[in-house]
């Protein structure tokens, strides 16, 4: 029997997966915005976008994450609002 003070292991795993999914979705919005604005390496961004759009397994490598974060930092015209717009277009 589970005590209220304990977190069920399956629930903890579910929350971790849910958090990771939200992070991947946010990066997906950033990739779409970078492609729209023609910032960065188009081929690399299209490859990242293709992997993120796969329904069965969304893959975002650490090197891709760092690349996207770098592009985000050097392009001040990309805002959270524009990233959210990109997510709504999906």
N, C-alpha and C. Protein backbone atom coordinates (compact mmCIF):
# COMPACT_ATOMS: atom_id res chain seq x y z
N UNK A 1 0.84 -1.18 0.00
CA UNK A 1 0.00 0.00 0.00
C UNK A 1 0.88 1.24 0.00
N UNK A 2 0.50 2.22 -0.80
CA UNK A 2 1.29 3.45 -0.91
C UNK A 2 0.86 4.46 0.13
N UNK A 3 1.84 4.99 0.82
CA UNK A 3 1.65 6.06 1.78
C UNK A 3 1.57 7.38 1.00
N UNK A 4 0.77 8.34 1.45
CA UNK A 4 0.66 9.63 0.77
C UNK A 4 1.99 10.37 0.70
N UNK A 5 2.91 10.08 1.62
CA UNK A 5 4.20 10.77 1.62
C UNK A 5 5.15 10.22 0.56
N UNK A 6 4.83 9.04 0.04
CA UNK A 6 5.67 8.44 -0.98
C UNK A 6 5.12 8.74 -2.37
N UNK A 7 6.03 8.83 -3.31
CA UNK A 7 5.61 9.00 -4.70
C UNK A 7 5.75 7.64 -5.38
N UNK A 8 4.69 7.22 -6.00
CA UNK A 8 4.71 5.95 -6.72
C UNK A 8 5.77 6.04 -7.81
N UNK A 9 6.63 5.01 -7.95
CA UNK A 9 7.70 5.05 -8.95
C UNK A 9 7.17 5.29 -10.38
N UNK A 10 6.03 4.71 -10.71
CA UNK A 10 5.48 4.89 -12.05
C UNK A 10 5.05 6.35 -12.26
N UNK A 11 4.54 6.98 -11.21
CA UNK A 11 4.13 8.38 -11.32
C UNK A 11 5.36 9.28 -11.49
N UNK A 12 6.41 9.00 -10.75
CA UNK A 12 7.65 9.78 -10.87
C UNK A 12 8.21 9.66 -12.29
N UNK A 13 8.18 8.47 -12.84
CA UNK A 13 8.64 8.26 -14.21
C UNK A 13 7.75 9.00 -15.19
N UNK A 14 6.45 8.94 -14.96
CA UNK A 14 5.50 9.65 -15.82
C UNK A 14 5.78 11.15 -15.82
N UNK A 15 6.01 11.74 -14.64
CA UNK A 15 6.28 13.19 -14.53
C UNK A 15 7.58 13.55 -15.24
N UNK A 16 8.60 12.69 -15.11
CA UNK A 16 9.88 12.93 -15.79
C UNK A 16 9.69 12.91 -17.30
N UNK A 17 8.95 11.94 -17.80
CA UNK A 17 8.68 11.85 -19.24
C UNK A 17 7.86 13.05 -19.70
N UNK A 18 6.88 13.44 -18.90
CA UNK A 18 6.03 14.59 -19.25
C UNK A 18 6.87 15.87 -19.32
N UNK A 19 7.77 16.06 -18.36
CA UNK A 19 8.63 17.24 -18.35
C UNK A 19 9.55 17.24 -19.58
N UNK A 20 10.12 16.09 -19.89
CA UNK A 20 11.00 15.96 -21.05
C UNK A 20 10.22 16.28 -22.33
N UNK A 21 8.97 15.82 -22.42
CA UNK A 21 8.14 16.07 -23.59
C UNK A 21 7.89 17.56 -23.77
N UNK A 22 7.62 18.26 -22.67
CA UNK A 22 7.40 19.71 -22.74
C UNK A 22 8.65 20.42 -23.23
N UNK A 23 9.81 19.95 -22.77
CA UNK A 23 11.08 20.54 -23.19
C UNK A 23 11.29 20.32 -24.69
N UNK A 24 11.05 19.12 -25.14
CA UNK A 24 11.21 18.79 -26.56
C UNK A 24 10.25 19.62 -27.40
N UNK A 25 9.02 19.79 -26.93
CA UNK A 25 8.04 20.61 -27.65
C UNK A 25 8.51 22.06 -27.78
N UNK A 26 9.09 22.59 -26.70
CA UNK A 26 9.60 23.97 -26.74
C UNK A 26 10.73 24.09 -27.74
N UNK A 27 11.62 23.11 -27.78
CA UNK A 27 12.70 23.14 -28.76
C UNK A 27 12.14 23.01 -30.18
N UNK A 28 11.07 22.26 -30.33
CA UNK A 28 10.43 22.14 -31.64
C UNK A 28 9.92 23.48 -32.13
N UNK A 29 9.35 24.27 -31.23
CA UNK A 29 8.89 25.61 -31.59
C UNK A 29 10.05 26.50 -31.97
N UNK A 30 11.16 26.38 -31.26
CA UNK A 30 12.36 27.16 -31.57
C UNK A 30 12.90 26.79 -32.95
N UNK A 31 12.96 25.49 -33.24
CA UNK A 31 13.46 25.04 -34.55
C UNK A 31 12.60 25.60 -35.67
N UNK A 32 11.29 25.53 -35.51
CA UNK A 32 10.39 26.06 -36.55
C UNK A 32 10.60 27.56 -36.76
N UNK A 33 10.81 28.29 -35.66
CA UNK A 33 11.04 29.73 -35.76
C UNK A 33 12.39 30.01 -36.43
N UNK A 34 13.42 29.26 -36.09
CA UNK A 34 14.73 29.45 -36.72
C UNK A 34 14.65 29.16 -38.22
N UNK A 35 13.92 28.12 -38.59
CA UNK A 35 13.74 27.82 -40.02
C UNK A 35 12.98 28.93 -40.72
N UNK A 36 11.94 29.43 -40.09
CA UNK A 36 11.13 30.49 -40.69
C UNK A 36 11.96 31.75 -40.93
N UNK A 37 12.82 32.08 -39.97
CA UNK A 37 13.65 33.28 -40.07
C UNK A 37 14.93 33.05 -40.86
N UNK A 38 15.18 31.81 -41.27
CA UNK A 38 16.39 31.43 -42.02
C UNK A 38 17.66 31.71 -41.22
N UNK A 39 17.63 31.40 -39.92
CA UNK A 39 18.80 31.51 -39.05
C UNK A 39 19.41 30.13 -38.89
N UNK A 40 20.71 30.02 -38.97
CA UNK A 40 21.37 28.76 -38.72
C UNK A 40 21.49 27.90 -39.97
N UNK A 41 22.00 26.70 -39.77
CA UNK A 41 22.22 25.74 -40.84
C UNK A 41 20.89 25.06 -41.18
N UNK A 42 20.36 25.39 -42.36
CA UNK A 42 19.04 24.89 -42.75
C UNK A 42 18.97 23.36 -42.73
N UNK A 43 19.98 22.70 -43.25
CA UNK A 43 19.99 21.24 -43.27
C UNK A 43 19.96 20.63 -41.88
N UNK A 44 20.77 21.19 -41.00
CA UNK A 44 20.81 20.67 -39.62
C UNK A 44 19.48 20.93 -38.92
N UNK A 45 18.93 22.13 -39.10
CA UNK A 45 17.65 22.45 -38.47
C UNK A 45 16.52 21.56 -39.01
N UNK A 46 16.53 21.29 -40.31
CA UNK A 46 15.51 20.41 -40.89
C UNK A 46 15.64 19.00 -40.34
N UNK A 47 16.89 18.54 -40.14
CA UNK A 47 17.10 17.20 -39.57
C UNK A 47 16.60 17.15 -38.13
N UNK A 48 16.91 18.18 -37.34
CA UNK A 48 16.43 18.23 -35.96
C UNK A 48 14.91 18.25 -35.95
N UNK A 49 14.32 19.06 -36.82
CA UNK A 49 12.86 19.17 -36.91
C UNK A 49 12.23 17.81 -37.27
N UNK A 50 12.83 17.13 -38.22
CA UNK A 50 12.32 15.81 -38.64
C UNK A 50 12.33 14.83 -37.47
N UNK A 51 13.43 14.83 -36.70
CA UNK A 51 13.50 13.92 -35.56
C UNK A 51 12.50 14.28 -34.47
N UNK A 52 12.29 15.58 -34.26
CA UNK A 52 11.35 16.01 -33.22
C UNK A 52 9.90 15.74 -33.61
N UNK A 53 9.62 15.69 -34.90
CA UNK A 53 8.25 15.46 -35.34
C UNK A 53 7.86 13.99 -35.39
N UNK A 54 8.83 13.11 -35.24
CA UNK A 54 8.50 11.68 -35.22
C UNK A 54 7.62 11.37 -34.02
N UNK A 55 6.51 10.76 -34.27
CA UNK A 55 5.54 10.49 -33.19
C UNK A 55 6.02 9.43 -32.21
N UNK A 56 6.63 8.37 -32.72
CA UNK A 56 6.94 7.25 -31.84
C UNK A 56 8.17 7.51 -30.96
N UNK A 57 9.09 8.35 -31.42
CA UNK A 57 10.29 8.61 -30.62
C UNK A 57 10.86 9.96 -31.01
N UNK A 58 10.76 10.91 -30.12
CA UNK A 58 11.30 12.24 -30.38
C UNK A 58 12.72 12.28 -29.82
N UNK A 59 13.68 12.55 -30.70
CA UNK A 59 15.08 12.53 -30.30
C UNK A 59 15.66 13.93 -30.40
N UNK A 60 16.28 14.38 -29.31
CA UNK A 60 17.00 15.65 -29.32
C UNK A 60 18.34 15.39 -28.61
N UNK A 61 19.40 15.38 -29.41
CA UNK A 61 20.73 15.13 -28.86
C UNK A 61 21.24 16.35 -28.10
N UNK A 62 22.13 16.13 -27.13
CA UNK A 62 22.70 17.23 -26.36
C UNK A 62 23.40 18.24 -27.27
N UNK A 63 24.11 17.76 -28.29
CA UNK A 63 24.81 18.68 -29.20
C UNK A 63 23.80 19.56 -29.94
N UNK A 64 22.65 19.00 -30.31
CA UNK A 64 21.60 19.78 -30.98
C UNK A 64 21.00 20.80 -30.01
N UNK A 65 20.81 20.39 -28.76
CA UNK A 65 20.26 21.28 -27.75
C UNK A 65 21.18 22.50 -27.56
N UNK A 66 22.49 22.23 -27.47
CA UNK A 66 23.46 23.32 -27.31
C UNK A 66 23.46 24.23 -28.53
N UNK A 67 23.37 23.64 -29.73
CA UNK A 67 23.34 24.41 -30.97
C UNK A 67 22.12 25.34 -30.99
N UNK A 68 20.96 24.81 -30.64
CA UNK A 68 19.74 25.60 -30.62
C UNK A 68 19.81 26.71 -29.57
N UNK A 69 20.36 26.40 -28.41
CA UNK A 69 20.49 27.41 -27.36
C UNK A 69 21.43 28.53 -27.80
N UNK A 70 22.50 28.17 -28.51
CA UNK A 70 23.44 29.18 -29.01
C UNK A 70 22.75 30.10 -30.01
N UNK A 71 22.01 29.52 -30.95
CA UNK A 71 21.28 30.33 -31.93
C UNK A 71 20.26 31.23 -31.25
N UNK A 72 19.60 30.71 -30.24
CA UNK A 72 18.60 31.48 -29.49
C UNK A 72 19.26 32.69 -28.82
N UNK A 73 20.46 32.50 -28.28
CA UNK A 73 21.16 33.57 -27.58
C UNK A 73 21.66 34.65 -28.53
N UNK A 74 22.08 34.28 -29.74
CA UNK A 74 22.67 35.28 -30.64
C UNK A 74 21.63 35.98 -31.51
N UNK A 75 20.38 35.56 -31.44
CA UNK A 75 19.31 36.21 -32.20
C UNK A 75 18.26 36.75 -31.24
N UNK A 76 18.44 38.01 -30.79
CA UNK A 76 17.55 38.57 -29.78
C UNK A 76 16.11 38.78 -30.26
N UNK A 77 15.87 38.71 -31.56
CA UNK A 77 14.50 38.90 -32.05
C UNK A 77 13.63 37.66 -31.87
N UNK A 78 14.23 36.56 -31.47
CA UNK A 78 13.45 35.35 -31.18
C UNK A 78 13.02 35.45 -29.72
N UNK A 79 11.72 35.43 -29.49
CA UNK A 79 11.19 35.56 -28.14
C UNK A 79 10.37 34.33 -27.78
N UNK A 80 10.02 34.23 -26.52
CA UNK A 80 9.16 33.13 -26.07
C UNK A 80 7.84 33.16 -26.84
N UNK A 81 7.34 34.36 -27.11
CA UNK A 81 6.07 34.49 -27.84
C UNK A 81 6.19 33.91 -29.25
N UNK A 82 7.30 34.17 -29.93
CA UNK A 82 7.44 33.64 -31.29
C UNK A 82 7.62 32.13 -31.28
N UNK A 83 8.26 31.63 -30.24
CA UNK A 83 8.40 30.17 -30.12
C UNK A 83 7.03 29.54 -29.89
N UNK A 84 6.21 30.16 -29.04
CA UNK A 84 4.86 29.64 -28.79
C UNK A 84 4.02 29.71 -30.06
N UNK A 85 4.21 30.75 -30.87
CA UNK A 85 3.50 30.83 -32.16
C UNK A 85 3.88 29.63 -33.03
N UNK A 86 5.16 29.32 -33.06
CA UNK A 86 5.62 28.16 -33.83
C UNK A 86 4.98 26.87 -33.36
N UNK A 87 4.77 26.75 -32.05
CA UNK A 87 4.14 25.56 -31.51
C UNK A 87 2.66 25.49 -31.92
N UNK A 88 1.99 26.63 -31.97
CA UNK A 88 0.57 26.63 -32.35
C UNK A 88 0.38 26.22 -33.81
N UNK A 89 1.41 26.45 -34.64
CA UNK A 89 1.29 26.13 -36.06
C UNK A 89 1.43 24.64 -36.33
N UNK A 90 1.88 23.88 -35.33
CA UNK A 90 2.10 22.44 -35.52
C UNK A 90 0.78 21.73 -35.69
